[in-house]
């Protein structure tokens, strides 16, 4: 996703759980993709109003990597957990698998 956004002329900042001043980085972001692997790691109050929030995390109980409190109505868009990124990932993997199988059969 970082490369796709870069190719669309976006300025991309990659952070991780040990990034110093992570909250400040999150506050200045227009688009936040949370894929940390830690439930509720990114607090909702750190996200600026009008941001687009994509939560790619999933943990037992339907918990994502981004705490949802205060995001709805304040952010431009928020992916649901569950049911947001996961179905799109599965759909893309299936489509790519079918495409690869078709190419392999055509090569025979």
PDB file of N, CA and C in Angstrom:
ATOM      1  N   UNK A   1       0.822  -1.183   0.000  1.00  0.00           N
ATOM      2  CA  UNK A   1       0.000   0.000   0.000  1.00  0.00           C
ATOM      3  C   UNK A   1       0.875   1.258   0.000  1.00  0.00           C
ATOM      4  N   UNK A   2       1.992   1.206   0.717  1.00  0.00           N
ATOM      5  CA  UNK A   2       2.897   2.362   0.746  1.00  0.00           C
ATOM      6  C   UNK A   2       3.391   2.689  -0.659  1.00  0.00           C
ATOM      7  N   UNK A   3       3.731   1.663  -1.437  1.00  0.00           N
ATOM      8  CA  UNK A   3       4.205   1.903  -2.803  1.00  0.00           C
ATOM      9  C   UNK A   3       3.081   2.424  -3.696  1.00  0.00           C
ATOM     10  N   UNK A   4       1.885   1.889  -3.516  1.00  0.00           N
ATOM     11  CA  UNK A   4       0.752   2.357  -4.315  1.00  0.00           C
ATOM     12  C   UNK A   4       0.474   3.834  -4.035  1.00  0.00           C
ATOM     13  N   UNK A   5       0.495   4.215  -2.777  1.00  0.00           N
ATOM     14  CA  UNK A   5       0.268   5.615  -2.418  1.00  0.00           C
ATOM     15  C   UNK A   5       1.394   6.501  -2.944  1.00  0.00           C
ATOM     16  N   UNK A   6       2.617   6.021  -2.841  1.00  0.00           N
ATOM     17  CA  UNK A   6       3.764   6.776  -3.378  1.00  0.00           C
ATOM     18  C   UNK A   6       3.634   6.979  -4.875  1.00  0.00           C
ATOM     19  N   UNK A   7       3.228   5.935  -5.574  1.00  0.00           N
ATOM     20  CA  UNK A   7       3.048   6.035  -7.023  1.00  0.00           C
ATOM     21  C   UNK A   7       1.946   7.023  -7.398  1.00  0.00           C
ATOM     22  N   UNK A   8       1.040   7.287  -6.446  1.00  0.00           N
ATOM     23  CA  UNK A   8      -0.027   8.268  -6.670  1.00  0.00           C
ATOM     24  C   UNK A   8       0.379   9.645  -6.145  1.00  0.00           C
ATOM     25  N   UNK A   9       1.690   9.832  -5.952  1.00  0.00           N
ATOM     26  CA  UNK A   9       2.272  11.105  -5.517  1.00  0.00           C
ATOM     27  C   UNK A   9       1.926  11.491  -4.077  1.00  0.00           C
ATOM     28  N   UNK A  10       1.629  10.513  -3.243  1.00  0.00           N
ATOM     29  CA  UNK A  10       1.411  10.783  -1.820  1.00  0.00           C
ATOM     30  C   UNK A  10       2.754  10.739  -1.101  1.00  0.00           C
ATOM     31  N   UNK A  11       2.889  11.528  -0.065  1.00  0.00           N
ATOM     32  CA  UNK A  11       4.060  11.439   0.799  1.00  0.00           C
ATOM     33  C   UNK A  11       3.738  10.394   1.869  1.00  0.00           C
ATOM     34  N   UNK A  12       4.537   9.353   1.921  1.00  0.00           N
ATOM     35  CA  UNK A  12       4.262   8.222   2.808  1.00  0.00           C
ATOM     36  C   UNK A  12       5.284   8.192   3.937  1.00  0.00           C
ATOM     37  N   UNK A  13       4.800   8.046   5.149  1.00  0.00           N
ATOM     38  CA  UNK A  13       5.661   7.874   6.309  1.00  0.00           C
ATOM     39  C   UNK A  13       5.363   6.509   6.904  1.00  0.00           C
ATOM     40  N   UNK A  14       6.369   5.657   6.954  1.00  0.00           N
ATOM     41  CA  UNK A  14       6.200   4.331   7.563  1.00  0.00           C
ATOM     42  C   UNK A  14       6.648   4.390   9.016  1.00  0.00           C
ATOM     43  N   UNK A  15       5.787   3.924   9.898  1.00  0.00           N
ATOM     44  CA  UNK A  15       6.101   3.891  11.320  1.00  0.00           C
ATOM     45  C   UNK A  15       5.925   2.467  11.820  1.00  0.00           C
ATOM     46  N   UNK A  16       6.422   2.215  13.011  1.00  0.00           N
ATOM     47  CA  UNK A  16       6.218   0.922  13.663  1.00  0.00           C
ATOM     48  C   UNK A  16       5.992   1.172  15.147  1.00  0.00           C
ATOM     49  N   UNK A  17       5.784   0.108  15.891  1.00  0.00           N
ATOM     50  CA  UNK A  17       5.405   0.252  17.302  1.00  0.00           C
ATOM     51  C   UNK A  17       6.481   0.935  18.138  1.00  0.00           C
ATOM     52  N   UNK A  18       7.714   0.988  17.664  1.00  0.00           N
ATOM     53  CA  UNK A  18       8.813   1.612  18.414  1.00  0.00           C
ATOM     54  C   UNK A  18       9.196   2.995  17.870  1.00  0.00           C
ATOM     55  N   UNK A  19       8.429   3.511  16.913  1.00  0.00           N
ATOM     56  CA  UNK A  19       8.718   4.841  16.366  1.00  0.00           C
ATOM     57  C   UNK A  19       8.630   5.876  17.472  1.00  0.00           C
ATOM     58  N   UNK A  20       9.673   6.697  17.614  1.00  0.00           N
ATOM     59  CA  UNK A  20       9.613   7.743  18.630  1.00  0.00           C
ATOM     60  C   UNK A  20       8.621   8.805  18.176  1.00  0.00           C
ATOM     61  N   UNK A  21       7.879   9.325  19.114  1.00  0.00           N
ATOM     62  CA  UNK A  21       6.845  10.326  18.841  1.00  0.00           C
ATOM     63  C   UNK A  21       5.772   9.801  17.887  1.00  0.00           C
ATOM     64  N   UNK A  22       5.404   8.539  18.058  1.00  0.00           N
ATOM     65  CA  UNK A  22       4.423   7.900  17.182  1.00  0.00           C
ATOM     66  C   UNK A  22       3.096   8.656  17.180  1.00  0.00           C
ATOM     67  N   UNK A  23       2.651   9.111  18.337  1.00  0.00           N
ATOM     68  CA  UNK A  23       1.378   9.827  18.407  1.00  0.00           C
ATOM     69  C   UNK A  23       1.400  11.087  17.544  1.00  0.00           C
ATOM     70  N   UNK A  24       2.511  11.804  17.522  1.00  0.00           N
ATOM     71  CA  UNK A  24       2.625  13.009  16.688  1.00  0.00           C
ATOM     72  C   UNK A  24       2.558  12.646  15.205  1.00  0.00           C
ATOM     73  N   UNK A  25       3.181  11.544  14.825  1.00  0.00           N
ATOM     74  CA  UNK A  25       3.133  11.093  13.425  1.00  0.00           C
ATOM     75  C   UNK A  25       1.706  10.743  13.041  1.00  0.00           C
ATOM     76  N   UNK A  26       1.003  10.064  13.938  1.00  0.00           N
ATOM     77  CA  UNK A  26      -0.382   9.672  13.666  1.00  0.00           C
ATOM     78  C   UNK A  26      -1.267  10.909  13.550  1.00  0.00           C
ATOM     79  N   UNK A  27      -1.068  11.878  14.427  1.00  0.00           N
ATOM     80  CA  UNK A  27      -1.896  13.103  14.417  1.00  0.00           C
ATOM     81  C   UNK A  27      -1.774  13.883  13.113  1.00  0.00           C
ATOM     82  N   UNK A  28      -0.611  13.849  12.468  1.00  0.00           N
ATOM     83  CA  UNK A  28      -0.434  14.648  11.246  1.00  0.00           C
ATOM     84  C   UNK A  28      -0.784  13.873   9.974  1.00  0.00           C
ATOM     85  N   UNK A  29      -1.199  12.625  10.109  1.00  0.00           N
ATOM     86  CA  UNK A  29      -1.505  11.793   8.939  1.00  0.00           C
ATOM     87  C   UNK A  29      -2.926  12.031   8.427  1.00  0.00           C
ATOM     88  N   UNK A  30      -3.059  12.062   7.111  1.00  0.00           N
ATOM     89  CA  UNK A  30      -4.381  12.138   6.480  1.00  0.00           C
ATOM     90  C   UNK A  30      -4.980  10.756   6.290  1.00  0.00           C
ATOM     91  N   UNK A  31      -4.109   9.771   6.083  1.00  0.00           N
ATOM     92  CA  UNK A  31      -4.528   8.380   5.922  1.00  0.00           C
ATOM     93  C   UNK A  31      -3.695   7.543   6.893  1.00  0.00           C
ATOM     94  N   UNK A  32      -4.360   6.722   7.676  1.00  0.00           N
ATOM     95  CA  UNK A  32      -3.663   5.862   8.634  1.00  0.00           C
ATOM     96  C   UNK A  32      -4.018   4.419   8.319  1.00  0.00           C
ATOM     97  N   UNK A  33      -3.002   3.599   8.114  1.00  0.00           N
ATOM     98  CA  UNK A  33      -3.192   2.169   7.928  1.00  0.00           C
ATOM     99  C   UNK A  33      -2.566   1.495   9.134  1.00  0.00           C
ATOM    100  N   UNK A  34      -3.394   0.909   9.966  1.00  0.00           N
ATOM    101  CA  UNK A  34      -2.903   0.223  11.164  1.00  0.00           C
ATOM    102  C   UNK A  34      -2.739  -1.256  10.896  1.00  0.00           C
ATOM    103  N   UNK A  35      -1.519  -1.726  10.958  1.00  0.00           N
ATOM    104  CA  UNK A  35      -1.206  -3.147  10.775  1.00  0.00           C
ATOM    105  C   UNK A  35      -0.070  -3.489  11.731  1.00  0.00           C
ATOM    106  N   UNK A  36      -0.303  -3.239  13.000  1.00  0.00           N
ATOM    107  CA  UNK A  36       0.738  -3.373  14.017  1.00  0.00           C
ATOM    108  C   UNK A  36       0.784  -4.776  14.607  1.00  0.00           C
ATOM    109  N   UNK A  37      -0.369  -5.429  14.674  1.00  0.00           N
ATOM    110  CA  UNK A  37      -0.432  -6.758  15.283  1.00  0.00           C
ATOM    111  C   UNK A  37      -0.650  -6.712  16.783  1.00  0.00           C
ATOM    112  N   UNK A  38      -1.087  -5.566  17.273  1.00  0.00           N
ATOM    113  CA  UNK A  38      -1.364  -5.404  18.702  1.00  0.00           C
ATOM    114  C   UNK A  38      -2.757  -4.795  18.851  1.00  0.00           C
ATOM    115  N   UNK A  39      -3.647  -5.460  19.597  1.00  0.00           N
ATOM    116  CA  UNK A  39      -5.013  -4.957  19.710  1.00  0.00           C
ATOM    117  C   UNK A  39      -5.087  -3.564  20.328  1.00  0.00           C
ATOM    118  N   UNK A  40      -5.888  -2.705  19.686  1.00  0.00           N
ATOM    119  CA  UNK A  40      -6.135  -1.334  20.155  1.00  0.00           C
ATOM    120  C   UNK A  40      -4.851  -0.545  20.409  1.00  0.00           C
ATOM    121  N   UNK A  41      -3.800  -0.838  19.670  1.00  0.00           N
ATOM    122  CA  UNK A  41      -2.504  -0.187  19.883  1.00  0.00           C
ATOM    123  C   UNK A  41      -2.557   1.312  19.583  1.00  0.00           C
ATOM    124  N   UNK A  42      -3.232   1.664  18.493  1.00  0.00           N
ATOM    125  CA  UNK A  42      -3.344   3.075  18.116  1.00  0.00           C
ATOM    126  C   UNK A  42      -4.621   3.616  18.744  1.00  0.00           C
ATOM    127  N   UNK A  43      -4.479   4.611  19.572  1.00  0.00           N
ATOM    128  CA  UNK A  43      -5.640   5.175  20.266  1.00  0.00           C
ATOM    129  C   UNK A  43      -6.399   6.118  19.340  1.00  0.00           C
ATOM    130  N   UNK A  44      -7.714   6.030  19.384  1.00  0.00           N
ATOM    131  CA  UNK A  44      -8.567   6.834  18.526  1.00  0.00           C
ATOM    132  C   UNK A  44      -8.353   8.324  18.681  1.00  0.00           C
ATOM    133  N   UNK A  45      -8.060   8.785  19.891  1.00  0.00           N
ATOM    134  CA  UNK A  45      -7.889  10.231  20.097  1.00  0.00           C
ATOM    135  C   UNK A  45      -6.617  10.772  19.447  1.00  0.00           C
ATOM    136  N   UNK A  46      -5.726   9.900  19.016  1.00  0.00           N
ATOM    137  CA  UNK A  46      -4.512  10.332  18.319  1.00  0.00           C
ATOM    138  C   UNK A  46      -4.777  10.642  16.849  1.00  0.00           C
ATOM    139  N   UNK A  47      -5.901  10.177  16.339  1.00  0.00           N
ATOM    140  CA  UNK A  47      -6.233  10.334  14.930  1.00  0.00           C
ATOM    141  C   UNK A  47      -6.894  11.696  14.724  1.00  0.00           C
ATOM    142  N   UNK A  48      -6.404  12.447  13.736  1.00  0.00           N
ATOM    143  CA  UNK A  48      -6.940  13.787  13.497  1.00  0.00           C
ATOM    144  C   UNK A  48      -8.303  13.719  12.818  1.00  0.00           C
ATOM    145  N   UNK A  49      -9.100  14.740  13.049  1.00  0.00           N
ATOM    146  CA  UNK A  49     -10.419  14.835  12.422  1.00  0.00           C
ATOM    147  C   UNK A  49     -10.252  14.868  10.906  1.00  0.00           C
ATOM    148  N   UNK A  50     -11.126  14.152  10.207  1.00  0.00           N
ATOM    149  CA  UNK A  50     -11.089  14.129   8.751  1.00  0.00           C
ATOM    150  C   UNK A  50     -10.161  13.088   8.157  1.00  0.00           C
ATOM    151  N   UNK A  51      -9.430  12.361   8.996  1.00  0.00           N
ATOM    152  CA  UNK A  51      -8.505  11.337   8.487  1.00  0.00           C
ATOM    153  C   UNK A  51      -9.275  10.138   7.938  1.00  0.00           C
ATOM    154  N   UNK A  52      -8.612   9.364   7.115  1.00  0.00           N
ATOM    155  CA  UNK A  52      -9.132   8.089   6.631  1.00  0.00           C
ATOM    156  C   UNK A  52      -8.387   7.010   7.400  1.00  0.00           C
ATOM    157  N   UNK A  53      -9.140   6.107   8.025  1.00  0.00           N
ATOM    158  CA  UNK A  53      -8.550   5.091   8.901  1.00  0.00           C
ATOM    159  C   UNK A  53      -8.804   3.700   8.318  1.00  0.00           C
ATOM    160  N   UNK A  54      -7.718   2.988   8.045  1.00  0.00           N
ATOM    161  CA  UNK A  54      -7.792   1.617   7.533  1.00  0.00           C
ATOM    162  C   UNK A  54      -7.162   0.717   8.581  1.00  0.00           C
ATOM    163  N   UNK A  55      -7.983  -0.073   9.236  1.00  0.00           N
ATOM    164  CA  UNK A  55      -7.501  -0.971  10.287  1.00  0.00           C
ATOM    165  C   UNK A  55      -7.337  -2.363   9.698  1.00  0.00           C
ATOM    166  N   UNK A  56      -6.099  -2.782   9.513  1.00  0.00           N
ATOM    167  CA  UNK A  56      -5.806  -4.083   8.919  1.00  0.00           C
ATOM    168  C   UNK A  56      -5.559  -5.148   9.974  1.00  0.00           C
ATOM    169  N   UNK A  57      -5.773  -4.820  11.230  1.00  0.00           N
ATOM    170  CA  UNK A  57      -5.565  -5.790  12.300  1.00  0.00           C
ATOM    171  C   UNK A  57      -6.845  -6.507  12.670  1.00  0.00           C
ATOM    172  N   UNK A  58      -6.708  -7.734  13.128  1.00  0.00           N
ATOM    173  CA  UNK A  58      -7.862  -8.464  13.658  1.00  0.00           C
ATOM    174  C   UNK A  58      -7.386  -9.350  14.794  1.00  0.00           C
ATOM    175  N   UNK A  59      -8.068  -9.233  15.900  1.00  0.00           N
ATOM    176  CA  UNK A  59      -7.743 -10.020  17.088  1.00  0.00           C
ATOM    177  C   UNK A  59      -9.029 -10.625  17.637  1.00  0.00           C
ATOM    178  N   UNK A  60      -8.928 -11.695  18.427  1.00  0.00           N
ATOM    179  CA  UNK A  60     -10.131 -12.332  18.962  1.00  0.00           C
ATOM    180  C   UNK A  60     -11.089 -11.320  19.584  1.00  0.00           C
ATOM    181  N   UNK A  61     -12.363 -11.525  19.324  1.00  0.00           N
ATOM    182  CA  UNK A  61     -13.383 -10.628  19.838  1.00  0.00           C
ATOM    183  C   UNK A  61     -13.698  -9.487  18.894  1.00  0.00           C
ATOM    184  N   UNK A  62     -13.144  -9.529  17.664  1.00  0.00           N
ATOM    185  CA  UNK A  62     -13.418  -8.484  16.687  1.00  0.00           C
ATOM    186  C   UNK A  62     -12.737  -7.170  17.001  1.00  0.00           C
ATOM    187  N   UNK A  63     -11.549  -7.240  17.564  1.00  0.00           N
ATOM    188  CA  UNK A  63     -10.786  -6.052  17.938  1.00  0.00           C
ATOM    189  C   UNK A  63      -9.712  -5.811  16.889  1.00  0.00           C
ATOM    190  N   UNK A  64      -9.558  -4.563  16.474  1.00  0.00           N
ATOM    191  CA  UNK A  64      -8.532  -4.208  15.500  1.00  0.00           C
ATOM    192  C   UNK A  64      -7.310  -3.624  16.172  1.00  0.00           C
ATOM    193  N   UNK A  65      -6.389  -3.134  15.370  1.00  0.00           N
ATOM    194  CA  UNK A  65      -5.177  -2.491  15.878  1.00  0.00           C
ATOM    195  C   UNK A  65      -5.424  -1.033  16.273  1.00  0.00           C
ATOM    196  N   UNK A  66      -6.517  -0.454  15.763  1.00  0.00           N
ATOM    197  CA  UNK A  66      -6.849   0.943  16.051  1.00  0.00           C
ATOM    198  C   UNK A  66      -8.089   0.971  16.932  1.00  0.00           C
ATOM    199  N   UNK A  67      -7.978   1.601  18.079  1.00  0.00           N
ATOM    200  CA  UNK A  67      -9.124   1.692  18.993  1.00  0.00           C
ATOM    201  C   UNK A  67     -10.199   2.558  18.339  1.00  0.00           C
ATOM    202  N   UNK A  68     -11.430   2.047  18.208  1.00  0.00           N
ATOM    203  CA  UNK A  68     -12.456   2.762  17.448  1.00  0.00           C
ATOM    204  C   UNK A  68     -13.123   3.934  18.173  1.00  0.00           C
ATOM    205  N   UNK A  69     -12.929   4.050  19.476  1.00  0.00           N
ATOM    206  CA  UNK A  69     -13.621   5.110  20.221  1.00  0.00           C
ATOM    207  C   UNK A  69     -13.313   6.492  19.648  1.00  0.00           C
ATOM    208  N   UNK A  70     -14.352   7.209  19.328  1.00  0.00           N
ATOM    209  CA  UNK A  70     -14.217   8.585  18.869  1.00  0.00           C
ATOM    210  C   UNK A  70     -13.901   8.749  17.396  1.00  0.00           C
ATOM    211  N   UNK A  71     -13.803   7.652  16.636  1.00  0.00           N
ATOM    212  CA  UNK A  71     -13.463   7.774  15.220  1.00  0.00           C
ATOM    213  C   UNK A  71     -14.682   8.074  14.354  1.00  0.00           C
ATOM    214  N   UNK A  72     -15.792   7.399  14.625  1.00  0.00           N
ATOM    215  CA  UNK A  72     -16.999   7.565  13.818  1.00  0.00           C
ATOM    216  C   UNK A  72     -17.524   8.988  13.954  1.00  0.00           C
ATOM    217  N   UNK A  73     -17.842   9.587  12.833  1.00  0.00           N
ATOM    218  CA  UNK A  73     -18.361  10.943  12.823  1.00  0.00           C
ATOM    219  C   UNK A  73     -17.269  12.002  12.839  1.00  0.00           C
ATOM    220  N   UNK A  74     -16.060  11.613  13.206  1.00  0.00           N
ATOM    221  CA  UNK A  74     -14.939  12.556  13.245  1.00  0.00           C
ATOM    222  C   UNK A  74     -13.995  12.326  12.073  1.00  0.00           C
ATOM    223  N   UNK A  75     -13.927  11.089  11.627  1.00  0.00           N
ATOM    224  CA  UNK A  75     -13.045  10.734  10.512  1.00  0.00           C
ATOM    225  C   UNK A  75     -13.845  10.682   9.213  1.00  0.00           C
ATOM    226  N   UNK A  76     -13.144  10.881   8.115  1.00  0.00           N
ATOM    227  CA  UNK A  76     -13.783  10.840   6.793  1.00  0.00           C
ATOM    228  C   UNK A  76     -14.302   9.440   6.480  1.00  0.00           C
ATOM    229  N   UNK A  77     -13.498   8.425   6.801  1.00  0.00           N
ATOM    230  CA  UNK A  77     -13.876   7.035   6.554  1.00  0.00           C
ATOM    231  C   UNK A  77     -13.098   6.140   7.523  1.00  0.00           C
ATOM    232  N   UNK A  78     -13.755   5.052   7.945  1.00  0.00           N
ATOM    233  CA  UNK A  78     -13.133   4.089   8.861  1.00  0.00           C
ATOM    234  C   UNK A  78     -13.540   2.693   8.410  1.00  0.00           C
ATOM    235  N   UNK A  79     -12.560   1.800   8.226  1.00  0.00           N
ATOM    236  CA  UNK A  79     -12.905   0.428   7.873  1.00  0.00           C
ATOM    237  C   UNK A  79     -13.395  -0.293   9.126  1.00  0.00           C
ATOM    238  N   UNK A  80     -14.407  -1.125   8.983  1.00  0.00           N
ATOM    239  CA  UNK A  80     -14.902  -1.866  10.151  1.00  0.00           C
ATOM    240  C   UNK A  80     -14.000  -3.043  10.484  1.00  0.00           C
ATOM    241  N   UNK A  81     -14.029  -3.435  11.733  1.00  0.00           N
ATOM    242  CA  UNK A  81     -13.353  -4.658  12.186  1.00  0.00           C
ATOM    243  C   UNK A  81     -14.375  -5.429  13.002  1.00  0.00           C
ATOM    244  N   UNK A  82     -14.719  -6.633  12.603  1.00  0.00           N
ATOM    245  CA  UNK A  82     -14.327  -7.352  11.375  1.00  0.00           C
ATOM    246  C   UNK A  82     -15.128  -6.869  10.172  1.00  0.00           C
ATOM    247  N   UNK A  83     -14.750  -7.392   9.013  1.00  0.00           N
ATOM    248  CA  UNK A  83     -15.504  -7.136   7.795  1.00  0.00           C
ATOM    249  C   UNK A  83     -14.960  -6.036   6.904  1.00  0.00           C
ATOM    250  N   UNK A  84     -13.831  -5.455   7.228  1.00  0.00           N
ATOM    251  CA  UNK A  84     -13.282  -4.376   6.419  1.00  0.00           C
ATOM    252  C   UNK A  84     -12.237  -4.859   5.442  1.00  0.00           C
ATOM    253  N   UNK A  85     -11.001  -4.897   5.888  1.00  0.00           N
ATOM    254  CA  UNK A  85      -9.868  -5.242   5.036  1.00  0.00           C
ATOM    255  C   UNK A  85      -9.816  -6.746   4.732  1.00  0.00           C
ATOM    256  N   UNK A  86     -10.179  -7.564   5.674  1.00  0.00           N
ATOM    257  CA  UNK A  86     -10.083  -9.022   5.515  1.00  0.00           C
ATOM    258  C   UNK A  86     -10.768  -9.568   4.280  1.00  0.00           C
ATOM    259  N   UNK A  87     -12.057  -9.280   4.070  1.00  0.00           N
ATOM    260  CA  UNK A  87     -12.732  -9.800   2.869  1.00  0.00           C
ATOM    261  C   UNK A  87     -12.079  -9.329   1.571  1.00  0.00           C
ATOM    262  N   UNK A  88     -11.558  -8.091   1.558  1.00  0.00           N
ATOM    263  CA  UNK A  88     -10.873  -7.602   0.354  1.00  0.00           C
ATOM    264  C   UNK A  88      -9.574  -8.362   0.126  1.00  0.00           C
ATOM    265  N   UNK A  89      -8.861  -8.665   1.206  1.00  0.00           N
ATOM    266  CA  UNK A  89      -7.616  -9.439   1.097  1.00  0.00           C
ATOM    267  C   UNK A  89      -7.906 -10.828   0.546  1.00  0.00           C
ATOM    268  N   UNK A  90      -8.910 -11.486   1.090  1.00  0.00           N
ATOM    269  CA  UNK A  90      -9.272 -12.833   0.643  1.00  0.00           C
ATOM    270  C   UNK A  90      -9.699 -12.815  -0.820  1.00  0.00           C
ATOM    271  N   UNK A  91     -10.527 -11.843  -1.190  1.00  0.00           N
ATOM    272  CA  UNK A  91     -10.995 -11.727  -2.569  1.00  0.00           C
ATOM    273  C   UNK A  91      -9.827 -11.536  -3.530  1.00  0.00           C
ATOM    274  N   UNK A  92      -8.883 -10.678  -3.164  1.00  0.00           N
ATOM    275  CA  UNK A  92      -7.713 -10.422  -4.006  1.00  0.00           C
ATOM    276  C   UNK A  92      -6.847 -11.674  -4.124  1.00  0.00           C
ATOM    277  N   UNK A  93      -6.636 -12.387  -3.016  1.00  0.00           N
ATOM    278  CA  UNK A  93      -5.840 -13.619  -3.059  1.00  0.00           C
ATOM    279  C   UNK A  93      -6.489 -14.672  -3.956  1.00  0.00           C
ATOM    280  N   UNK A  94      -7.799 -14.813  -3.867  1.00  0.00           N
ATOM    281  CA  UNK A  94      -8.496 -15.783  -4.714  1.00  0.00           C
ATOM    282  C   UNK A  94      -8.358 -15.387  -6.180  1.00  0.00           C
ATOM    283  N   UNK A  95      -8.568 -14.113  -6.493  1.00  0.00           N
ATOM    284  CA  UNK A  95      -8.457 -13.651  -7.883  1.00  0.00           C
ATOM    285  C   UNK A  95      -7.050 -13.879  -8.428  1.00  0.00           C
ATOM    286  N   UNK A  96      -6.034 -13.600  -7.624  1.00  0.00           N
ATOM    287  CA  UNK A  96      -4.661 -13.796  -8.071  1.00  0.00           C
ATOM    288  C   UNK A  96      -4.336 -15.284  -8.240  1.00  0.00           C
ATOM    289  N   UNK A  97      -4.888 -16.119  -7.381  1.00  0.00           N
ATOM    290  CA  UNK A  97      -4.678 -17.564  -7.490  1.00  0.00           C
ATOM    291  C   UNK A  97      -5.303 -18.094  -8.776  1.00  0.00           C
ATOM    292  N   UNK A  98      -6.519 -17.670  -9.081  1.00  0.00           N
ATOM    293  CA  UNK A  98      -7.184 -18.089 -10.313  1.00  0.00           C
ATOM    294  C   UNK A  98      -6.389 -17.605 -11.526  1.00  0.00           C
ATOM    295  N   UNK A  99      -5.946 -16.364 -11.493  1.00  0.00           N
ATOM    296  CA  UNK A  99      -5.162 -15.816 -12.600  1.00  0.00           C
ATOM    297  C   UNK A  99      -3.863 -16.597 -12.812  1.00  0.00           C
ATOM    298  N   UNK A 100      -3.185 -16.933 -11.718  1.00  0.00           N
ATOM    299  CA  UNK A 100      -1.945 -17.713 -11.818  1.00  0.00           C
ATOM    300  C   UNK A 100      -2.225 -19.109 -12.371  1.00  0.00           C
ATOM    301  N   UNK A 101      -3.322 -19.727 -11.935  1.00  0.00           N
ATOM    302  CA  UNK A 101      -3.671 -21.057 -12.436  1.00  0.00           C
ATOM    303  C   UNK A 101      -3.999 -21.006 -13.933  1.00  0.00           C
ATOM    304  N   UNK A 102      -4.702 -19.965 -14.368  1.00  0.00           N
ATOM    305  CA  UNK A 102      -5.012 -19.819 -15.790  1.00  0.00           C
ATOM    306  C   UNK A 102      -3.740 -19.644 -16.613  1.00  0.00           C
ATOM    307  N   UNK A 103      -2.793 -18.843 -16.111  1.00  0.00           N
ATOM    308  CA  UNK A 103      -1.524 -18.662 -16.826  1.00  0.00           C
ATOM    309  C   UNK A 103      -0.743 -19.977 -16.884  1.00  0.00           C
ATOM    310  N   UNK A 104      -0.773 -20.730 -15.780  1.00  0.00           N
ATOM    311  CA  UNK A 104      -0.041 -22.003 -15.742  1.00  0.00           C
ATOM    312  C   UNK A 104      -0.663 -23.008 -16.735  1.00  0.00           C
ATOM    313  N   UNK A 105      -1.975 -23.033 -16.813  1.00  0.00           N
ATOM    314  CA  UNK A 105      -2.656 -23.958 -17.742  1.00  0.00           C
ATOM    315  C   UNK A 105      -2.406 -23.547 -19.192  1.00  0.00           C
ATOM    316  N   UNK A 106      -2.351 -22.259 -19.449  1.00  0.00           N
ATOM    317  CA  UNK A 106      -2.120 -21.765 -20.809  1.00  0.00           C
ATOM    318  C   UNK A 106      -0.706 -22.076 -21.284  1.00  0.00           C
ATOM    319  N   UNK A 107       0.221 -22.214 -20.330  1.00  0.00           N
ATOM    320  CA  UNK A 107       1.623 -22.469 -20.665  1.00  0.00           C
ATOM    321  C   UNK A 107       1.871 -23.945 -20.992  1.00  0.00           C
ATOM    322  N   UNK A 108       0.913 -24.777 -20.681  1.00  0.00           N
ATOM    323  CA  UNK A 108       1.087 -26.241 -20.900  1.00  0.00           C
ATOM    324  C   UNK A 108       0.850 -26.595 -22.345  1.00  0.00           C
TER     325      UNK A 108
END
